[in-house]
């Protein structure tokens, strides 16, 4: 730890230059426990990326917005997203953890990343200025050549979201979770985004379940696709057989609730 090179840039331009030689630090909840082998950290706290801007159709949240601040915005975010955010971490950690940091470090057991993926969330990246869907960002974040910085995340407000999970305890990380998102007024059957979490390096969409709904094959076919998607999701927390069974139940339950 004595050899750690700590940098706290005052401008985005300076931070991007430093990014070539170090790792960004925001809340520190994901990075600090794994500092061994890290030589340089770039503290993003002074870059002014902690704003929340609401428009008619979306919230633009800065990358360093704390999870608790997102929760404290109240009715401005979907209730299911607020629930997933609350399940992400306890109060102390939510007051430290940032939205951008959670997006970049959250694994398959992250309730918040699972919910955001179902909402068709988009991230603003610098220095390219690129706007990237969360689905693509989750694939690219593990690439060693990826040196972009998230500056903000766009959360649509014209989408509906439902979320449910099964865990060892009510507030524990999920063994299986499901998020269901769809654009308001366009019909869930044709536009549903069905996401499974609780396993692996990232939550995953279930295109077979989405296709079953769009083709009119119904809830049972979508639930069967979810069971198949997690049929081999084995780890020390649960077997694939169990996860697949629960995934099918949760997908069927959420679809029935929103279509009722």
Protein backbone atom coordinates (compact mmCIF):
# COMPACT_ATOMS: atom_id res chain seq x y z
CA UNK A 1 0.00 0.00 0.00
CA UNK A 2 2.92 2.39 0.62
CA UNK A 3 3.82 2.32 -3.07
CA UNK A 4 0.32 3.23 -4.21
CA UNK A 5 0.25 6.24 -6.53
CA UNK A 6 -2.91 8.21 -5.68
CA UNK A 7 -4.11 10.85 -8.17
CA UNK A 8 -7.06 13.22 -7.80
CA UNK A 9 -7.50 15.14 -11.06
CA UNK A 10 -9.55 18.33 -11.23
CA UNK A 11 -10.62 18.06 -14.87
CA UNK A 12 -11.98 15.32 -17.09
CA UNK A 13 -9.14 15.88 -19.56
CA UNK A 14 -6.57 15.27 -16.84
CA UNK A 15 -8.43 12.18 -15.62
CA UNK A 16 -8.55 10.67 -19.10
CA UNK A 17 -4.83 11.13 -19.53
CA UNK A 18 -4.15 9.46 -16.17
CA UNK A 19 -6.47 6.60 -17.12
CA UNK A 20 -3.73 5.29 -19.41
CA UNK A 21 -1.65 4.35 -16.38
CA UNK A 22 -4.16 3.57 -13.62
CA UNK A 23 -7.58 2.48 -12.44
CA UNK A 24 -10.47 4.88 -11.74
CA UNK A 25 -11.67 5.18 -8.15
CA UNK A 26 -15.09 6.54 -7.20
CA UNK A 27 -16.74 5.17 -4.07
CA UNK A 28 -14.00 2.59 -3.60
CA UNK A 29 -16.32 -0.19 -2.42
CA UNK A 30 -15.33 -2.50 -5.29
CA UNK A 31 -11.71 -1.43 -5.80
CA UNK A 32 -10.31 -1.00 -2.30
CA UNK A 33 -10.71 -4.67 -1.26
CA UNK A 34 -8.68 -5.66 -4.36
CA UNK A 35 -5.89 -3.07 -4.38
CA UNK A 36 -3.12 -5.67 -4.27
CA UNK A 37 -1.11 -5.33 -7.47
CA UNK A 38 -2.62 -1.92 -8.31
CA UNK A 39 -0.03 0.83 -8.75
CA UNK A 40 -2.09 3.91 -9.61
CA UNK A 41 -5.64 4.92 -8.72
CA UNK A 42 -7.42 7.96 -10.18
CA UNK A 43 -9.93 9.48 -7.76
CA UNK A 44 -12.90 10.89 -9.72
CA UNK A 45 -14.56 12.80 -6.87
CA UNK A 46 -13.57 16.29 -8.07
CA UNK A 47 -14.86 15.95 -11.66
CA UNK A 48 -18.44 17.04 -10.99
CA UNK A 49 -19.92 13.78 -12.27
CA UNK A 50 -22.39 13.42 -9.39
CA UNK A 51 -25.37 15.26 -10.85
CA UNK A 52 -28.91 14.02 -11.50
CA UNK A 53 -30.76 15.68 -14.36
CA UNK A 54 -34.36 14.76 -15.12
CA UNK A 55 -36.11 15.26 -18.45
CA UNK A 56 -39.57 14.16 -19.50
CA UNK A 57 -38.34 10.79 -20.74
CA UNK A 58 -35.18 10.03 -18.78
CA UNK A 59 -32.87 10.68 -15.87
CA UNK A 60 -29.27 11.46 -16.73
CA UNK A 61 -27.25 10.30 -13.72
CA UNK A 62 -23.59 11.18 -13.36
CA UNK A 63 -21.18 8.29 -13.00
CA UNK A 64 -20.19 9.21 -9.43
CA UNK A 65 -23.75 9.59 -8.14
CA UNK A 66 -23.99 7.57 -4.94
CA UNK A 67 -26.52 4.74 -4.92
CA UNK A 68 -28.24 6.27 -1.91
CA UNK A 69 -28.60 9.59 -3.76
CA UNK A 70 -30.30 7.69 -6.58
CA UNK A 71 -32.67 6.17 -4.04
CA UNK A 72 -33.27 9.55 -2.41
CA UNK A 73 -34.52 10.92 -5.73
CA UNK A 74 -37.75 9.18 -4.70
CA UNK A 75 -40.51 8.71 -7.23
CA UNK A 76 -38.29 9.93 -10.07
CA UNK A 77 -37.01 6.39 -10.66
CA UNK A 78 -39.18 3.28 -11.16
CA UNK A 79 -40.16 1.59 -7.89
CA UNK A 80 -38.64 -1.72 -9.02
CA UNK A 81 -35.34 0.01 -9.79
CA UNK A 82 -35.35 1.58 -6.33
CA UNK A 83 -35.95 -1.87 -4.83
CA UNK A 84 -33.05 -3.37 -6.79
CA UNK A 85 -30.82 -0.48 -5.75
CA UNK A 86 -31.70 -1.07 -2.11
CA UNK A 87 -30.89 -4.77 -2.46
CA UNK A 88 -27.52 -3.99 -4.04
CA UNK A 89 -25.87 -3.03 -0.74
CA UNK A 90 -26.57 -1.95 2.82
CA UNK A 91 -27.03 1.71 3.74
CA UNK A 92 -23.40 2.36 4.64
CA UNK A 93 -22.17 0.97 1.32
CA UNK A 94 -24.89 2.77 -0.66
CA UNK A 95 -23.60 6.04 0.75
CA UNK A 96 -20.18 5.20 -0.72
CA UNK A 97 -20.82 3.12 -3.85
CA UNK A 98 -21.38 4.97 -7.13
CA UNK A 99 -23.58 4.18 -10.10
CA UNK A 100 -20.67 4.06 -12.55
CA UNK A 101 -18.59 1.91 -10.25
CA UNK A 102 -21.45 -0.55 -9.79
CA UNK A 103 -22.00 -0.78 -13.54
CA UNK A 104 -18.30 -1.45 -14.15
CA UNK A 105 -17.81 -3.94 -11.32
CA UNK A 106 -21.19 -5.59 -10.77
CA UNK A 107 -21.27 -9.32 -11.51
CA UNK A 108 -24.17 -11.61 -12.30
CA UNK A 109 -25.44 -11.38 -8.72
CA UNK A 110 -25.94 -7.60 -8.90
CA UNK A 111 -29.65 -6.72 -8.52
CA UNK A 112 -29.03 -3.17 -9.76
CA UNK A 113 -27.12 -4.14 -12.91
CA UNK A 114 -29.78 -6.78 -13.66
CA UNK A 115 -32.54 -4.16 -13.38
CA UNK A 116 -30.64 -1.55 -15.41
CA UNK A 117 -30.04 -4.07 -18.20
CA UNK A 118 -33.79 -4.72 -18.45
CA UNK A 119 -34.40 -0.96 -18.78
CA UNK A 120 -32.27 -0.55 -21.92
CA UNK A 121 -29.94 1.83 -20.09
CA UNK A 122 -27.28 3.73 -22.05
CA UNK A 123 -23.86 4.93 -20.85
CA UNK A 124 -21.99 8.01 -22.07
CA UNK A 125 -18.28 7.30 -22.55
CA UNK A 126 -15.30 9.59 -22.84
CA UNK A 127 -13.01 10.48 -24.57
CA UNK A 128 -14.89 9.05 -27.57
CA UNK A 129 -18.25 10.64 -26.75
CA UNK A 130 -19.75 7.25 -27.58
CA UNK A 131 -23.17 6.29 -26.24
CA UNK A 132 -23.14 2.59 -25.51
CA UNK A 133 -25.93 0.28 -24.41
CA UNK A 134 -25.35 -1.40 -21.07
CA UNK A 135 -25.55 -4.79 -22.77
CA UNK A 136 -22.52 -3.96 -24.96
CA UNK A 137 -20.69 -2.21 -22.13
CA UNK A 138 -20.90 -5.29 -19.91
CA UNK A 139 -19.22 -7.29 -22.68
CA UNK A 140 -16.47 -4.73 -23.26
CA UNK A 141 -15.58 -3.82 -19.69
CA UNK A 142 -13.37 -6.91 -19.21
CA UNK A 143 -11.27 -6.08 -22.28
CA UNK A 144 -7.81 -4.98 -21.13
CA UNK A 145 -7.67 -2.43 -23.95
CA UNK A 146 -10.88 -0.73 -22.75
CA UNK A 147 -9.77 2.66 -21.43
CA UNK A 148 -12.97 4.67 -21.61
CA UNK A 149 -14.55 6.41 -18.67
CA UNK A 150 -18.28 6.42 -17.95
CA UNK A 151 -19.38 10.00 -17.37
CA UNK A 152 -23.14 9.46 -17.12
CA UNK A 153 -25.88 6.87 -17.39
CA UNK A 154 -29.25 7.50 -19.07
CA UNK A 155 -32.15 5.80 -17.28
CA UNK A 156 -35.38 5.93 -19.34
CA UNK A 157 -38.55 6.96 -17.51
CA UNK A 158 -40.89 5.88 -20.31
CA UNK A 159 -40.21 2.21 -19.56
CA UNK A 160 -41.92 -0.11 -17.09
CA UNK A 161 -39.87 -2.40 -14.86
CA UNK A 162 -40.62 -5.42 -12.71
CA UNK A 163 -38.09 -7.23 -10.51
CA UNK A 164 -38.10 -10.30 -8.29
CA UNK A 165 -35.46 -12.51 -6.69
CA UNK A 166 -34.82 -15.55 -4.54
CA UNK A 167 -32.04 -15.33 -1.96
CA UNK A 168 -30.97 -17.08 1.24
CA UNK A 169 -32.26 -14.10 3.23
CA UNK A 170 -34.62 -11.27 2.17
CA UNK A 171 -31.83 -8.69 1.86
CA UNK A 172 -29.10 -11.04 0.62
CA UNK A 173 -27.62 -11.09 -2.88
CA UNK A 174 -29.82 -13.21 -5.17
CA UNK A 175 -29.29 -16.84 -6.05
CA UNK A 176 -31.64 -16.11 -8.94
CA UNK A 177 -33.19 -12.80 -9.93
CA UNK A 178 -35.28 -11.67 -12.88
CA UNK A 179 -35.87 -8.20 -14.26
CA UNK A 180 -38.51 -7.49 -16.88
CA UNK A 181 -38.53 -4.20 -18.79
CA UNK A 182 -40.68 -2.89 -21.62
CA UNK A 183 -41.44 0.52 -23.18
CA UNK A 184 -44.63 2.08 -21.89
CA UNK A 185 -47.50 2.06 -24.36
CA UNK A 186 -45.88 -0.32 -26.85
CA UNK A 187 -47.06 -3.66 -25.48
CA UNK A 188 -45.01 -6.06 -23.42
CA UNK A 189 -45.43 -9.08 -25.69
CA UNK A 190 -43.57 -7.49 -28.60
CA UNK A 191 -41.00 -5.44 -26.69
CA UNK A 192 -40.15 -7.28 -23.47
CA UNK A 193 -36.55 -7.38 -22.22
CA UNK A 194 -36.14 -10.39 -19.94
CA UNK A 195 -32.94 -10.54 -17.87
CA UNK A 196 -31.66 -13.28 -15.56
CA UNK A 197 -29.21 -12.60 -12.74
CA UNK A 198 -27.74 -14.50 -9.82
CA UNK A 199 -24.93 -16.27 -11.63
CA UNK A 200 -21.74 -15.65 -13.59
CA UNK A 201 -19.74 -12.53 -14.45
CA UNK A 202 -22.77 -10.52 -15.58
CA UNK A 203 -26.58 -10.71 -15.83
CA UNK A 204 -27.83 -12.01 -19.17
CA UNK A 205 -30.79 -11.29 -21.39
CA UNK A 206 -32.81 -14.33 -22.43
CA UNK A 207 -33.50 -13.80 -26.15
CA UNK A 208 -35.34 -17.13 -26.46
CA UNK A 209 -37.83 -16.00 -23.80
CA UNK A 210 -38.22 -12.60 -25.45
CA UNK A 211 -38.79 -14.28 -28.82
CA UNK A 212 -41.40 -16.61 -27.34
CA UNK A 213 -43.37 -13.58 -26.19
CA UNK A 214 -42.98 -11.65 -29.45
CA UNK A 215 -44.13 -14.67 -31.49
CA UNK A 216 -47.22 -15.09 -29.33
CA UNK A 217 -46.20 -18.46 -27.85
CA UNK A 218 -47.06 -17.17 -24.41
CA UNK A 219 -45.84 -17.10 -20.84
CA UNK A 220 -45.27 -20.85 -20.52
CA UNK A 221 -42.89 -20.85 -23.50
CA UNK A 222 -41.00 -17.84 -22.11
CA UNK A 223 -40.70 -19.51 -18.70
CA UNK A 224 -39.41 -22.70 -20.33
CA UNK A 225 -36.74 -20.68 -22.16
CA UNK A 226 -35.64 -19.14 -18.85
CA UNK A 227 -35.39 -22.60 -17.27
CA UNK A 228 -33.21 -23.75 -20.13
CA UNK A 229 -31.02 -20.63 -19.96
CA UNK A 230 -30.05 -21.36 -16.33
CA UNK A 231 -30.14 -25.16 -16.51
CA UNK A 232 -26.34 -25.37 -16.24
CA UNK A 233 -25.77 -22.39 -13.96
CA UNK A 234 -23.89 -24.36 -11.29
CA UNK A 235 -21.70 -22.82 -8.60
CA UNK A 236 -21.14 -23.14 -4.85
CA UNK A 237 -24.33 -21.18 -4.14
CA UNK A 238 -26.79 -23.37 -6.07
CA UNK A 239 -27.12 -26.07 -8.71
CA UNK A 240 -28.14 -25.41 -12.29
CA UNK A 241 -31.20 -27.60 -11.77
CA UNK A 242 -32.37 -25.40 -8.91
CA UNK A 243 -31.54 -22.14 -10.66
CA UNK A 244 -33.30 -23.20 -13.85
CA UNK A 245 -36.42 -24.21 -11.94
CA UNK A 246 -36.54 -20.92 -10.01
CA UNK A 247 -35.79 -18.82 -13.11
CA UNK A 248 -38.77 -20.35 -14.91
CA UNK A 249 -41.07 -19.65 -11.97
CA UNK A 250 -39.93 -16.02 -11.57
CA UNK A 251 -40.18 -15.22 -15.29
CA UNK A 252 -43.67 -16.75 -15.46
CA UNK A 253 -44.75 -14.87 -12.34
CA UNK A 254 -43.53 -11.46 -13.50
CA UNK A 255 -45.02 -11.83 -16.97
CA UNK A 256 -48.37 -12.86 -15.50
CA UNK A 257 -48.34 -9.89 -13.12
CA UNK A 258 -47.59 -7.24 -15.75
CA UNK A 259 -50.00 -8.72 -18.30
CA UNK A 260 -52.86 -9.09 -15.82
